[in-house]
Amino acid sequence: MMNDELLNAGAFALYRAENPHRVDEFSKRPDAEKAIAADFETYRNRYVRKFKDIRESLAAEGLTVTRAA
């Protein structure tokens, strides 16, 4: 389960990093967090795959992705 949480959190962070213009536009709305989350849901599968690939590439180099405490 924790692995799924990390995967989803990483995918969401990657979405935000790759789409600052969209996040900025949604941030102007009164329901900003809901709008950002809804837009992310549209692209969730893409970002989960991308984050998985990044994590696997890092693991191949001996690096581990963890959640900060």
Protein backbone atom coordinates (compact mmCIF):
# COMPACT_ATOMS: atom_id res chain seq x y z
CA MET A 1 0.00 0.00 0.00
CA MET A 2 2.73 2.48 0.90
CA ASN A 3 4.31 1.77 -2.47
CA ASP A 4 1.05 2.79 -4.19
CA GLU A 5 0.90 5.99 -2.13
CA LEU A 6 4.47 6.83 -3.09
CA LEU A 7 3.74 6.06 -6.73
CA ASN A 8 0.64 8.28 -6.75
CA ALA A 9 2.37 11.10 -4.88
CA GLY A 10 5.33 10.91 -7.27
CA ALA A 11 3.05 10.90 -10.30
CA PHE A 12 1.18 13.94 -8.96
CA ALA A 13 4.45 15.77 -8.27
CA LEU A 14 5.65 14.97 -11.77
CA TYR A 15 2.36 16.23 -13.25
CA ARG A 16 2.73 19.50 -11.31
CA ALA A 17 6.38 19.88 -12.37
CA GLU A 18 5.63 19.27 -16.04
CA ASN A 19 2.51 21.45 -16.14
CA PRO A 20 3.26 24.63 -14.18
CA HIS A 21 1.22 26.71 -16.63
CA ARG A 22 -1.89 24.56 -16.09
CA VAL A 23 -1.40 24.46 -12.33
CA ASP A 24 -0.96 28.24 -12.32
CA GLU A 25 -4.19 28.74 -14.25
CA PHE A 26 -6.12 26.39 -11.98
CA SER A 27 -4.63 28.13 -8.92
CA LYS A 28 -6.53 31.29 -9.84
CA ARG A 29 -9.84 29.54 -9.30
CA PRO A 30 -11.65 29.40 -5.94
CA ASP A 31 -11.67 25.58 -6.16
CA ALA A 32 -7.99 25.41 -7.14
CA GLU A 33 -7.01 22.13 -5.46
CA LYS A 34 -10.10 20.35 -6.74
CA ALA A 35 -9.48 21.64 -10.27
CA ILE A 36 -5.82 20.58 -10.19
CA ALA A 37 -6.74 17.14 -8.84
CA ALA A 38 -9.43 16.70 -11.50
CA ASP A 39 -7.02 17.65 -14.28
CA PHE A 40 -4.42 15.25 -12.87
CA GLU A 41 -7.01 12.45 -12.92
CA THR A 42 -7.34 12.98 -16.67
CA TYR A 43 -3.63 12.26 -17.10
CA ARG A 44 -3.04 9.97 -14.10
CA ASN A 45 -2.12 6.84 -16.08
CA ARG A 46 0.47 8.71 -18.13
CA TYR A 47 2.17 10.19 -15.06
CA VAL A 48 2.05 6.95 -13.09
CA ARG A 49 3.85 5.22 -15.99
CA LYS A 50 6.37 8.04 -16.29
CA PHE A 51 7.09 8.06 -12.57
CA LYS A 52 7.43 4.26 -12.53
CA ASP A 53 9.95 4.50 -15.37
CA ILE A 54 11.92 7.17 -13.53
CA ARG A 55 11.90 5.16 -10.31
CA GLU A 56 13.05 2.02 -12.14
CA SER A 57 15.83 3.95 -13.88
CA LEU A 58 17.01 5.30 -10.56
CA ALA A 59 16.83 1.84 -8.98
CA ALA A 60 19.02 0.47 -11.79
CA GLU A 61 21.62 3.03 -10.70
CA GLY A 62 21.31 1.96 -7.06
CA LEU A 63 19.16 4.91 -6.00
CA THR A 64 15.87 4.74 -4.12
CA VAL A 65 12.92 7.11 -4.15
CA THR A 66 11.45 7.66 -0.69
CA ARG A 67 8.96 10.02 0.89
CA ALA A 68 10.47 12.71 3.11
CA ALA A 69 9.47 12.42 6.74
